[in-house]
Amino acid sequence: MRILLPLTIMLFSVSSYAQDKLDISLKSGSQAEVQTKAQLQRLLTTYDLSKWIFTKSILIDEKSIPHSHPVLTLHTRHLKDDDLLLSTFAHEQLHWFLVQKDKETEEAIKELHVLFPKVPIGFPAGSDDERSTYLHLLVNYLEYRADRELMGELRARQVMEFWASDHYTWVYKTVLERTRDIGNIAFKHKLIPPTRG
């Protein structure tokens, strides 16, 4: 009993860390937005996301496609799937990480251009333009790393396979097929978020 109480207190304080630091607001205050906020807050107390948080302002907007800037915005599509919401949250946070490492990101994109000379542009295979498709090779690779650390390999792979049939389909398939190659470029340019202590 003496061991369990300090352990319980320690786990509670660690798991509550990320939630206390985020400012989560709602666009319209609809029921779906309120539920998604509660879902995200629950996930923030269930998983240690401190390594994957780079902006603390979050907006939930049921009518918006998730995006990172100027404010990280999530939609309400994944109310019934914690793993997909968690992965989307990590994805948008990782855009903020790469913006902070702009020079290294641009160097990595040059190498990805050599590795993949032609990439798709436009939905559903790629992003809006060529640079953004290359950028998403990095974002989605890092999202896969985050998912594996948070959910384990099996659930992370299931999430990535779902995305590979949903949006950025070529990008997600390529991340799954060429994980090591993309990872080597990310490591070379120090684009792996450090563990925060």
Protein backbone atom coordinates (compact mmCIF):
# COMPACT_ATOMS: atom_id res chain seq x y z
CA MET A 1 0.00 0.00 0.00
CA ARG A 2 2.87 2.39 0.82
CA ILE A 3 4.32 1.84 -2.64
CA LEU A 4 1.02 2.16 -4.50
CA LEU A 5 0.00 5.56 -3.11
CA PRO A 6 3.17 7.45 -4.20
CA LEU A 7 3.05 5.64 -7.55
CA THR A 8 -0.60 6.63 -8.06
CA ILE A 9 0.17 10.26 -7.17
CA MET A 10 3.17 10.27 -9.51
CA LEU A 11 1.18 8.79 -12.40
CA PHE A 12 -1.67 11.25 -11.87
CA SER A 13 0.67 14.24 -11.88
CA VAL A 14 2.50 13.06 -15.00
CA SER A 15 -0.69 12.25 -16.91
CA SER A 16 -2.30 15.58 -16.05
CA TYR A 17 0.68 17.62 -17.24
CA ALA A 18 -0.26 18.19 -20.90
CA GLN A 19 -3.93 18.93 -20.30
CA ASP A 20 -3.26 21.68 -17.77
CA LYS A 21 -1.01 23.54 -20.21
CA LEU A 22 -3.31 23.63 -23.27
CA ASP A 23 -5.91 26.26 -24.14
CA ILE A 24 -8.69 24.43 -26.00
CA SER A 25 -11.44 26.65 -27.41
CA LEU A 26 -14.55 25.91 -29.47
CA LYS A 27 -15.60 27.68 -32.68
CA SER A 28 -19.39 27.38 -32.23
CA GLY A 29 -19.85 25.47 -28.98
CA SER A 30 -21.89 22.75 -30.72
CA GLN A 31 -22.47 19.43 -28.99
CA ALA A 32 -19.94 17.71 -31.27
CA GLU A 33 -17.30 20.33 -30.46
CA VAL A 34 -17.96 20.03 -26.72
CA GLN A 35 -17.68 16.23 -26.97
CA THR A 36 -14.48 16.44 -29.02
CA LYS A 37 -12.93 18.79 -26.45
CA ALA A 38 -13.79 16.32 -23.67
CA GLN A 39 -12.39 13.47 -25.78
CA LEU A 40 -9.13 15.37 -26.40
CA GLN A 41 -8.82 16.28 -22.71
CA ARG A 42 -9.31 12.62 -21.79
CA LEU A 43 -6.60 11.60 -24.28
CA LEU A 44 -4.27 14.22 -22.81
CA THR A 45 -4.67 12.64 -19.39
CA THR A 46 -4.31 9.10 -20.78
CA TYR A 47 -1.15 9.62 -22.87
CA ASP A 48 2.03 11.55 -22.16
CA LEU A 49 2.00 13.88 -25.15
CA SER A 50 4.56 16.36 -23.78
CA LYS A 51 7.15 15.32 -26.40
CA TRP A 52 4.67 16.00 -29.21
CA ILE A 53 3.22 19.38 -28.18
CA PHE A 54 4.63 22.50 -29.86
CA THR A 55 1.68 24.89 -29.67
CA LYS A 56 -0.69 25.20 -26.77
CA SER A 57 -3.61 26.97 -28.48
CA ILE A 58 -6.15 24.52 -29.89
CA LEU A 59 -9.41 25.33 -31.67
CA ILE A 60 -12.12 22.75 -32.31
CA ASP A 61 -14.24 23.63 -35.34
CA GLU A 62 -16.67 21.03 -36.64
CA LYS A 63 -16.84 22.74 -40.05
CA SER A 64 -13.10 22.98 -40.66
CA ILE A 65 -10.54 20.59 -42.10
CA PRO A 66 -7.77 20.06 -39.52
CA HIS A 67 -4.84 22.44 -40.00
CA SER A 68 -1.90 23.66 -38.01
CA HIS A 69 -1.70 27.42 -38.65
CA PRO A 70 -2.35 30.07 -37.60
CA VAL A 71 -4.09 28.17 -34.77
CA LEU A 72 -4.02 24.38 -34.51
CA THR A 73 -7.55 23.41 -35.51
CA LEU A 74 -9.24 20.04 -35.14
CA HIS A 75 -12.64 18.95 -36.44
CA THR A 76 -15.18 16.62 -34.84
CA ARG A 77 -14.94 13.75 -37.34
CA HIS A 78 -13.16 11.33 -34.99
CA LEU A 79 -15.51 11.44 -32.02
CA LYS A 80 -15.86 7.67 -32.11
CA ASP A 81 -12.17 6.89 -32.69
CA ASP A 82 -9.59 7.97 -30.11
CA ASP A 83 -6.64 6.73 -32.17
CA LEU A 84 -7.58 8.82 -35.21
CA LEU A 85 -8.05 11.97 -33.10
CA LEU A 86 -4.76 11.35 -31.29
CA SER A 87 -2.96 10.88 -34.60
CA THR A 88 -4.54 14.01 -36.11
CA PHE A 89 -3.55 16.03 -33.05
CA ALA A 90 0.07 14.79 -33.32
CA HIS A 91 0.11 15.49 -37.07
CA GLU A 92 -0.91 19.13 -36.66
CA GLN A 93 1.48 19.62 -33.73
CA LEU A 94 4.34 18.28 -35.86
CA HIS A 95 3.77 21.01 -38.43
CA TRP A 96 4.64 23.46 -35.64
CA PHE A 97 7.79 21.48 -34.82
CA LEU A 98 8.99 21.61 -38.43
CA VAL A 99 8.28 25.36 -38.70
CA GLN A 100 10.62 25.82 -35.72
CA LYS A 101 13.29 23.90 -37.66
CA ASP A 102 12.77 25.60 -41.01
CA LYS A 103 16.36 25.39 -42.31
CA GLU A 104 16.72 21.70 -41.44
CA THR A 105 13.29 20.97 -42.94
CA GLU A 106 14.22 22.65 -46.24
CA GLU A 107 17.47 20.63 -46.41
CA ALA A 108 15.54 17.42 -45.75
CA ILE A 109 13.00 18.30 -48.45
CA LYS A 110 15.87 18.67 -50.96
CA GLU A 111 17.00 15.12 -50.13
CA LEU A 112 13.44 13.79 -50.35
CA HIS A 113 13.22 15.36 -53.81
CA VAL A 114 16.22 13.25 -54.89
CA LEU A 115 14.73 10.12 -53.29
CA PHE A 116 11.28 10.74 -54.83
CA PRO A 117 11.80 12.85 -58.01
CA LYS A 118 8.09 12.94 -58.84
CA VAL A 119 5.35 13.25 -56.24
CA PRO A 120 1.59 13.61 -56.64
CA ILE A 121 -0.11 16.95 -56.14
CA GLY A 122 -3.72 17.32 -55.02
CA PHE A 123 -6.31 15.32 -53.12
CA PRO A 124 -6.37 12.44 -52.32
CA ALA A 125 -2.82 11.29 -53.16
CA GLY A 126 -0.80 14.39 -52.30
CA SER A 127 -1.03 17.87 -50.87
CA ASP A 128 -1.88 21.22 -52.47
CA ASP A 129 1.51 21.70 -54.12
CA GLU A 130 4.79 19.85 -54.63
CA ARG A 131 6.61 21.35 -51.63
CA SER A 132 3.71 20.53 -49.33
CA THR A 133 3.67 16.91 -50.52
CA TYR A 134 7.39 16.63 -49.68
CA LEU A 135 6.79 18.37 -46.35
CA HIS A 136 4.07 15.83 -45.56
CA LEU A 137 6.52 12.97 -46.08
CA LEU A 138 8.29 14.38 -43.01
CA VAL A 139 5.15 15.29 -41.06
CA ASN A 140 3.52 11.91 -41.69
CA TYR A 141 6.73 10.02 -40.89
CA LEU A 142 6.93 11.87 -37.55
CA GLU A 143 3.21 11.25 -37.00
CA TYR A 144 3.91 7.52 -37.44
CA ARG A 145 6.74 7.76 -34.86
CA ALA A 146 4.42 9.54 -32.43
CA ASP A 147 1.65 7.00 -32.99
CA ARG A 148 4.01 4.09 -32.39
CA GLU A 149 5.30 5.62 -29.15
CA LEU A 150 1.80 6.46 -27.94
CA MET A 151 -0.29 3.50 -29.18
CA GLY A 152 2.16 0.73 -30.01
CA GLU A 153 3.10 -0.68 -33.40
CA LEU A 154 -0.13 -2.51 -34.27
CA ARG A 155 -2.55 0.35 -33.58
CA ALA A 156 -0.18 2.87 -35.18
CA ARG A 157 0.00 0.80 -38.35
CA GLN A 158 -3.79 0.46 -38.44
CA VAL A 159 -4.13 4.24 -38.20
CA MET A 160 -1.57 4.80 -40.97
CA GLU A 161 -3.29 2.25 -43.20
CA PHE A 162 -6.61 4.01 -42.62
CA TRP A 163 -5.07 7.37 -43.59
CA ALA A 164 -3.50 5.72 -46.66
CA SER A 165 -7.01 5.11 -47.98
CA ASP A 166 -8.44 8.44 -46.76
CA HIS A 167 -6.21 11.42 -47.61
CA TYR A 168 -2.56 12.02 -48.55
CA THR A 169 -2.88 8.44 -49.75
CA TRP A 170 0.43 8.32 -51.66
CA VAL A 171 2.23 10.06 -48.80
CA TYR A 172 1.00 7.65 -46.12
CA LYS A 173 1.62 4.58 -48.30
CA THR A 174 5.13 5.84 -49.03
CA VAL A 175 5.83 6.44 -45.33
CA LEU A 176 4.76 2.86 -44.60
CA GLU A 177 6.80 1.41 -47.47
CA ARG A 178 9.92 3.60 -47.08
CA THR A 179 9.92 4.29 -43.34
CA ARG A 180 13.65 3.71 -42.95
CA ASP A 181 14.66 5.87 -45.92
CA ILE A 182 12.55 8.83 -44.79
CA GLY A 183 13.62 8.28 -41.19
CA ASN A 184 17.31 8.38 -42.14
CA ILE A 185 16.79 11.81 -43.72
CA ALA A 186 14.84 13.05 -40.68
CA PHE A 187 17.61 11.82 -38.33
CA LYS A 188 20.37 13.30 -40.49
CA HIS A 189 18.78 16.74 -40.28
CA LYS A 190 17.90 16.42 -36.57
CA LEU A 191 14.17 16.47 -37.22
CA ILE A 192 13.24 14.05 -34.44
CA PRO A 193 11.56 15.73 -31.44
CA PRO A 194 13.69 15.32 -28.31
CA THR A 195 12.34 13.63 -25.23
CA ARG A 196 11.39 16.28 -22.70
CA GLY A 197 12.29 15.67 -19.10
